[in-house]
Protein backbone atom coordinates (compact mmCIF):
# COMPACT_ATOMS: atom_id res chain seq x y z
CA MET A 1 118.81 73.20 64.23
CA ILE A 2 117.59 73.81 67.50
CA LEU A 3 116.24 70.38 68.02
CA GLY A 4 119.28 68.96 66.73
CA GLN A 5 121.37 70.84 69.38
CA PHE A 6 118.88 69.42 72.46
CA ARG A 7 119.53 65.85 70.75
CA ASN A 8 123.24 66.06 71.17
CA ARG A 9 123.29 67.05 74.76
CA ARG A 10 124.72 64.34 76.86
CA ARG A 11 122.52 62.86 79.76
CA PHE A 12 123.84 63.54 83.21
CA LYS A 13 123.51 60.09 84.23
CA ASP A 14 125.83 59.04 81.37
CA LEU A 15 128.61 61.00 82.75
CA GLY A 16 131.52 59.43 84.24
CA GLU A 17 133.50 60.85 87.35
CA ARG A 18 136.11 62.67 85.20
CA GLU A 19 133.22 64.28 83.29
CA ILE A 20 131.38 65.40 86.49
CA LEU A 21 134.50 66.90 88.01
CA ALA A 22 135.11 68.96 84.64
CA LEU A 23 131.27 70.01 84.69
CA ALA A 24 131.72 71.15 88.13
CA ILE A 25 134.90 73.13 87.59
CA SER A 26 133.29 74.86 84.64
CA ALA A 27 130.04 75.62 86.88
CA GLU A 28 132.09 77.13 89.71
CA GLU A 29 133.98 79.19 87.01
CA ASP A 30 130.77 80.56 85.49
CA ASP A 31 129.51 81.20 89.09
CA ALA A 32 132.38 83.39 90.11
CA ARG A 33 132.15 85.50 86.84
CA ILE A 34 128.68 86.27 87.27
CA TYR A 35 129.07 87.48 91.11
CA ARG A 36 131.89 89.72 89.79
CA THR A 37 129.87 90.95 86.97
CA TYR A 38 127.11 91.96 89.59
CA ALA A 39 129.75 93.48 91.96
CA ALA A 40 130.89 95.62 88.92
CA ARG A 41 127.18 96.53 88.42
CA LEU A 42 126.67 97.73 91.70
CA SER A 43 130.00 99.02 92.86
CA ASP A 44 128.95 102.89 92.45
CA GLU A 45 125.27 102.78 93.58
CA PHE A 46 125.35 99.64 96.09
CA PRO A 47 128.78 99.34 97.55
CA GLY A 48 127.53 97.12 100.08
CA SER A 49 126.04 94.44 98.08
CA ALA A 50 129.03 94.79 95.72
CA ALA A 51 131.32 93.78 98.47
CA MET A 52 129.12 90.93 99.19
CA PHE A 53 129.39 89.71 95.55
CA ASP A 54 132.97 90.11 95.48
CA GLU A 55 133.45 87.89 98.63
CA MET A 56 131.22 85.38 97.08
CA ALA A 57 133.07 85.15 93.80
CA LYS A 58 136.34 84.49 96.08
CA GLU A 59 134.43 81.53 97.67
CA GLU A 60 133.56 80.31 94.06
CA ASP A 61 137.42 80.69 93.33
CA GLY A 62 137.99 78.49 96.29
CA HIS A 63 135.83 75.83 95.58
CA ARG A 64 137.38 75.59 92.04
CA ARG A 65 140.81 75.42 93.17
CA ARG A 66 139.80 72.54 95.47
CA LEU A 67 138.23 70.72 92.58
CA ILE A 68 141.11 71.17 90.22
CA GLU A 69 143.29 69.63 92.86
CA VAL A 70 141.06 66.71 93.11
CA TYR A 71 140.94 66.47 89.34
CA ARG A 72 144.79 66.55 88.87
CA LYS A 73 145.18 64.06 91.26
CA ARG A 74 142.95 61.49 89.63
CA PHE A 75 142.76 62.39 85.81
CA GLY A 76 145.92 64.69 84.99
CA GLU A 77 146.31 68.04 83.70
CA VAL A 78 143.91 68.15 80.67
CA ILE A 79 140.26 68.93 81.61
CA PRO A 80 137.62 68.28 78.95
CA PRO A 81 135.42 71.64 78.00
CA LEU A 82 132.24 70.23 79.25
CA ARG A 83 129.67 73.19 80.26
CA ARG A 84 126.19 73.44 81.70
CA GLU A 85 124.52 73.69 78.21
CA HIS A 86 126.32 70.53 77.10
CA ILE A 87 124.06 68.37 79.61
CA SER A 88 120.35 67.42 79.16
CA GLY A 89 118.35 68.60 82.49
CA PHE A 90 121.28 70.44 83.87
CA TYR A 91 120.32 73.49 85.83
CA THR A 92 120.93 76.64 83.76
CA ARG A 93 121.73 80.25 84.74
CA ARG A 94 119.55 83.15 83.87
CA PRO A 95 121.44 85.68 81.37
CA VAL A 96 123.36 88.13 83.48
CA TRP A 97 122.21 90.90 81.19
CA LEU A 98 118.70 89.99 81.92
CA VAL A 99 119.17 89.76 86.05
CA GLU A 100 121.46 92.64 86.22
CA ASN A 101 119.08 95.02 84.65
CA LEU A 102 116.19 94.08 87.40
CA GLY A 103 117.79 95.63 90.30
CA VAL A 104 119.96 95.04 93.34
CA GLU A 105 117.23 92.90 95.23
CA ARG A 106 116.90 90.54 92.11
CA MET A 107 120.42 90.08 91.79
CA ARG A 108 120.57 88.89 95.63
CA GLU A 109 117.60 86.45 94.97
CA GLU A 110 119.58 84.97 91.98
CA ALA A 111 122.71 84.67 94.00
CA ALA A 112 120.44 82.56 96.60
CA ALA A 113 118.76 80.41 93.90
CA MET A 114 122.35 79.81 92.42
CA GLU A 115 123.75 78.47 95.62
CA ARG A 116 120.61 76.08 96.24
CA GLU A 117 120.96 74.96 92.47
CA ALA A 118 124.71 74.03 92.85
CA HIS A 119 123.91 72.12 96.29
CA ASP A 120 121.28 70.12 94.90
CA PHE A 121 123.42 69.23 91.63
CA TYR A 122 126.09 67.83 93.92
CA LEU A 123 123.51 66.04 96.21
CA ALA A 124 121.97 64.57 93.11
CA ALA A 125 125.16 63.51 91.62
CA ALA A 126 126.44 61.85 95.10
CA LYS A 127 123.21 59.68 95.15
CA GLN A 128 123.91 58.71 91.73
CA ALA A 129 127.38 57.52 92.10
CA THR A 130 128.17 53.84 93.02
CA ASP A 131 131.93 54.38 93.53
CA ALA A 132 132.60 54.79 97.13
CA GLU A 133 135.43 57.43 96.38
CA THR A 134 133.07 59.14 93.94
CA ARG A 135 130.45 59.24 96.29
CA LYS A 136 132.23 60.87 99.13
CA LEU A 137 133.80 63.29 96.59
CA LEU A 138 130.38 64.60 95.48
CA GLY A 139 129.09 64.53 98.91
CA ASP A 140 132.04 66.59 100.19
CA LEU A 141 131.10 69.12 97.39
CA ALA A 142 127.41 69.14 98.21
CA ALA A 143 128.47 69.86 101.92
CA ALA A 144 130.66 72.74 100.52
CA GLU A 145 127.95 74.34 98.52
CA ALA A 146 125.48 73.81 101.91
CA ALA A 147 128.16 75.70 103.88
CA HIS A 148 128.48 78.38 101.04
CA GLN A 149 124.68 79.27 101.23
CA LYS A 150 125.27 79.97 105.07
CA THR A 151 128.54 81.90 104.01
CA ALA A 152 126.65 84.00 101.69
CA ALA A 153 123.76 84.97 104.32
CA ARG A 154 126.80 85.64 106.67
CA LEU A 155 128.17 87.93 104.16
CA GLU A 156 124.95 89.51 103.38
CA GLU A 157 124.67 90.57 107.21
CA ARG A 158 128.14 91.66 107.20
CA HIS A 159 128.22 93.89 104.15
CA VAL A 160 124.42 94.50 103.69
CA PRO A 161 122.73 95.02 107.32
CA GLU A 162 119.12 95.93 107.77
CA ASP A 163 119.80 99.67 107.56
CA VAL A 164 122.09 99.23 104.53
CA ALA A 165 119.66 96.95 102.77
CA GLU A 166 116.79 99.26 103.29
CA GLU A 167 118.57 102.32 101.96
CA GLU A 168 119.74 100.22 98.85
CA SER A 169 116.14 99.13 98.37
CA ARG A 170 114.92 102.73 98.56
CA ALA A 171 117.68 103.80 96.11
CA ALA A 172 116.89 100.79 93.56
CA HIS A 173 113.28 101.78 93.89
CA ARG A 174 113.95 105.39 93.03
CA GLN A 175 116.07 104.60 90.25
CA PHE A 176 113.40 102.03 88.60
CA VAL A 177 110.97 104.82 88.76
CA LEU A 178 113.49 107.50 87.09
CA THR A 179 114.44 105.17 84.37
CA TYR A 180 111.14 103.35 83.71
CA VAL A 181 108.29 104.52 85.44
CA GLN A 182 108.44 108.19 84.91
CA PRO A 183 109.12 107.93 81.20
CA GLY A 184 106.67 105.05 80.52
CA LEU A 185 103.96 107.02 82.38
CA ALA A 186 104.79 110.27 80.34
CA GLY A 187 104.53 107.98 77.30
CA LEU A 188 101.53 106.42 78.26
CA MET A 189 99.67 109.72 78.93
CA ASP A 190 100.67 111.14 75.76
CA GLY A 191 99.83 108.01 73.87
CA SER A 192 96.44 107.36 75.62
CA VAL A 193 95.22 111.51 75.66
CA SER A 194 96.75 113.05 72.72
CA THR A 195 95.71 110.28 70.28
CA LEU A 196 92.06 110.53 71.52
CA ALA A 197 91.34 113.58 69.23
CA PRO A 198 92.57 112.27 65.67
CA ILE A 199 91.23 108.67 66.40
CA PHE A 200 87.57 109.67 67.22
CA ALA A 201 87.70 112.75 64.90
CA ALA A 202 88.46 110.22 62.20
CA ALA A 203 85.87 107.83 63.43
CA PHE A 204 82.93 110.19 63.50
CA ALA A 205 84.10 111.81 60.38
CA THR A 206 84.31 108.72 58.10
CA MET A 207 82.08 106.24 59.84
CA ASP A 208 84.82 103.95 58.36
CA THR A 209 86.63 101.41 60.97
CA HIS A 210 89.41 100.54 58.49
CA ALA A 211 90.29 104.23 57.82
CA THR A 212 90.09 104.99 61.77
CA PHE A 213 92.23 102.10 62.33
CA LEU A 214 94.80 103.40 59.84
CA VAL A 215 94.61 106.84 61.39
CA GLY A 216 95.08 105.32 64.94
CA LEU A 217 97.91 103.01 64.00
CA ALA A 218 99.63 105.98 62.12
CA ALA A 219 99.02 108.25 65.04
CA SER A 220 100.20 105.41 67.95
CA VAL A 221 103.48 104.53 66.00
CA GLY A 222 104.64 108.33 64.92
CA ALA A 223 103.77 109.59 68.50
CA GLY A 224 105.91 106.64 70.03
CA ILE A 225 108.78 107.37 67.79
CA SER A 226 108.91 110.89 68.30
CA MET A 227 108.27 110.40 72.34
CA GLY A 228 111.14 107.75 72.39
CA PHE A 229 113.68 109.83 70.57
CA THR A 230 112.88 113.02 72.58
CA GLU A 231 113.26 111.16 75.66
CA ALA A 232 116.40 109.64 74.89
CA ILE A 233 118.26 113.02 73.68
CA SER A 234 116.95 115.27 76.12
CA ASP A 235 118.98 113.73 79.11
CA ASP A 236 121.93 111.51 79.08
CA GLY A 237 121.27 110.84 82.67
CA GLN A 238 124.98 111.39 83.68
CA ILE A 239 123.90 114.30 85.92
CA SER A 240 120.20 113.97 86.68
CA GLY A 241 120.94 110.24 87.57
CA ARG A 242 117.64 109.10 85.74
CA GLY A 243 119.57 106.17 83.97
CA SER A 244 120.37 105.12 80.50
CA PRO A 245 118.70 107.21 77.81
CA ILE A 246 118.14 104.25 75.72
CA LYS A 247 116.32 102.53 78.47
CA ARG A 248 114.23 105.44 78.98
CA GLY A 249 113.83 106.33 75.29
CA LEU A 250 112.38 102.71 75.08
CA ALA A 251 110.07 102.81 77.98
CA CYS A 252 108.83 106.22 76.76
CA GLY A 253 108.32 105.18 73.06
CA ILE A 254 106.76 101.74 73.89
CA MET A 255 104.26 103.16 76.21
CA THR A 256 103.47 105.78 73.94
CA THR A 257 102.55 103.49 71.14
CA VAL A 258 100.60 101.10 73.44
CA GLY A 259 98.54 103.96 74.78
CA GLY A 260 97.48 104.95 71.26
CA LEU A 261 96.96 101.49 70.08
CA GLY A 262 94.80 100.46 72.98
CA HIS A 263 91.52 102.38 71.42
CA ALA A 264 92.94 102.03 68.10
CA LEU A 265 92.90 98.13 67.80
CA PRO A 266 89.07 97.61 68.18
CA TYR A 267 88.64 99.34 64.93
CA LEU A 268 89.59 96.24 63.37
CA ILE A 269 86.00 95.19 64.16
CA PRO A 270 84.07 95.91 61.12
CA ASP A 271 80.85 97.00 62.83
CA PHE A 272 81.27 100.89 63.73
CA TRP A 273 79.32 101.21 66.77
CA THR A 274 80.55 97.95 68.13
CA ALA A 275 84.36 99.17 67.51
CA THR A 276 83.64 102.59 68.96
CA ILE A 277 81.90 101.46 72.19
CA ILE A 278 84.84 99.21 72.88
CA ALA A 279 87.26 101.91 72.23
CA MET A 280 85.54 103.99 74.60
CA ILE A 281 85.36 101.39 77.25
CA ILE A 282 89.28 101.03 76.80
CA VAL A 283 89.72 104.66 76.93
CA VAL A 284 88.28 104.63 80.48
CA PHE A 285 90.39 101.69 81.68
CA GLU A 286 93.54 103.52 79.91
CA LEU A 287 92.76 106.84 82.00
CA TRP A 288 92.43 105.08 85.24
CA ALA A 289 95.63 103.02 84.82
CA ILE A 290 97.46 106.40 84.31
CA VAL A 291 95.54 107.48 87.86
CA TRP A 292 96.75 104.59 89.58
CA ILE A 293 100.43 104.46 88.16
CA GLN A 294 100.61 108.38 89.25
CA ASN A 295 99.18 107.50 92.81
CA ARG A 296 101.24 104.29 93.32
CA TYR A 297 104.81 105.53 91.78
CA MET A 298 104.45 109.36 91.67
CA GLU A 299 102.85 109.76 94.97
CA THR A 300 100.29 112.05 93.39
CA PRO A 301 97.06 112.27 95.52
CA PHE A 302 94.44 110.31 94.14
CA LEU A 303 91.99 112.94 93.65
CA ARG A 304 94.17 115.29 92.14
CA ALA A 305 95.52 112.53 89.69
CA THR A 306 91.79 111.43 89.13
CA PHE A 307 90.90 115.12 88.26
CA GLN A 308 93.78 115.81 86.00
CA VAL A 309 93.67 113.01 83.80
CA VAL A 310 90.22 112.40 83.67
CA LEU A 311 89.29 115.74 83.19
CA GLY A 312 91.93 116.25 80.40
CA GLY A 313 91.13 113.06 78.79
CA ALA A 314 87.28 113.94 78.47
CA LEU A 315 88.14 117.36 77.04
CA VAL A 316 90.39 115.86 74.30
CA PHE A 317 87.87 113.13 74.06
CA ALA A 318 85.14 115.51 73.37
CA ALA A 319 87.14 117.62 71.17
CA GLY A 320 87.73 114.71 68.94
CA ILE A 321 83.92 113.83 68.45
CA LEU A 322 82.96 117.60 67.91
CA ILE A 323 85.56 117.94 65.26
CA GLY A 324 84.78 114.59 63.42
CA SER A 325 81.21 115.37 63.59
CA ALA A 326 81.21 119.06 62.36
C-alpha cells in the first residue's frame, strides 16, 4: 500500500501553472498553521518567541492572499486540493508534534529551514517554467520568500533580542532537565544499581545463563513499569513546573528498563564466564554514564558523583555475588 502511494504521486516537472499555484497556496496555508501552533505552544513560557511566530504566520497569510488573487485572475474560483504529499520529491515538513516537543530553539531552527525550503521551491519552479508570465510569477514568489527570510530575522531581533533569547534558552534547558533528564537519571540509577543484586545473585547461585537472563529481564521490566507509574502519578507538574507526567513517566520507566537490561542481555551468551565478564564491563560503563550525567546536567561535583554512584554500585554488586555464592 505504501509503495502504491509513492507510485501515485505526481512529478513536479509534470505540473501545470494552475497546479503549481494551487500547491503554493496550500503550502502557505500549512506554514501559517504550523507557525500558529508554535506560537500557541510557546505563549506561556516564551512570549517573545510566540510573538515572533504569530507575526510570521501573518506574513504567510499575506503571501497566501497574493497567491489566491493571482489564481483567481488566471484560473477562476475553484482551487484544486493539491498538497505537498501529493508531489514526488516535493519538500515536506517535519511533524509538528515532533518539532514542538524539542524546545524553543529547535522551533526557531525549523522555521528558518521552512523559509529556505520555500524559497528554493519557488526558485526551482521559476527555472523550470517556459512561459514568460509564469516565470515572472514564480520569480516574484521566490523573491517574496527570500524577503520573508529577512523578515523572520528582523522579527527575531525585535521579539527575541539576545538577552531574551538567552533567558529563553536557559528556561528551555531547565525544562528539559526537569522533564527528561531528572526522571531519566533516577530511572537509570534505579535500573542499573537495584538490579545488580538479583541478577548477579541469580547468576552465581545457578550458573545458568538462561535462568539469569530471565531473572534480569523480569527485574528490569518490572522495575521500569513500577518506576514509570510512580513518577507519572507522583506529580502532575502543574505546581512544580516539571512538565508532563506522561513524558516524565516514560523517561523514567524506559531508562529504568534500559539500565537493568544493560547487564542482563549478556546472559543470552551460553558460556557463563564470558557472559558474566561482559556484564561486569557493562556495569562499569553504566555507572560512569550515571556519573557523567549527574555532573553534566545536575551539576553534581564529579568526585562526589563518582563516590556516591561507584561506591553504591560496588556495594550492591558485592551483595549480589555474596548472596548468590552462599
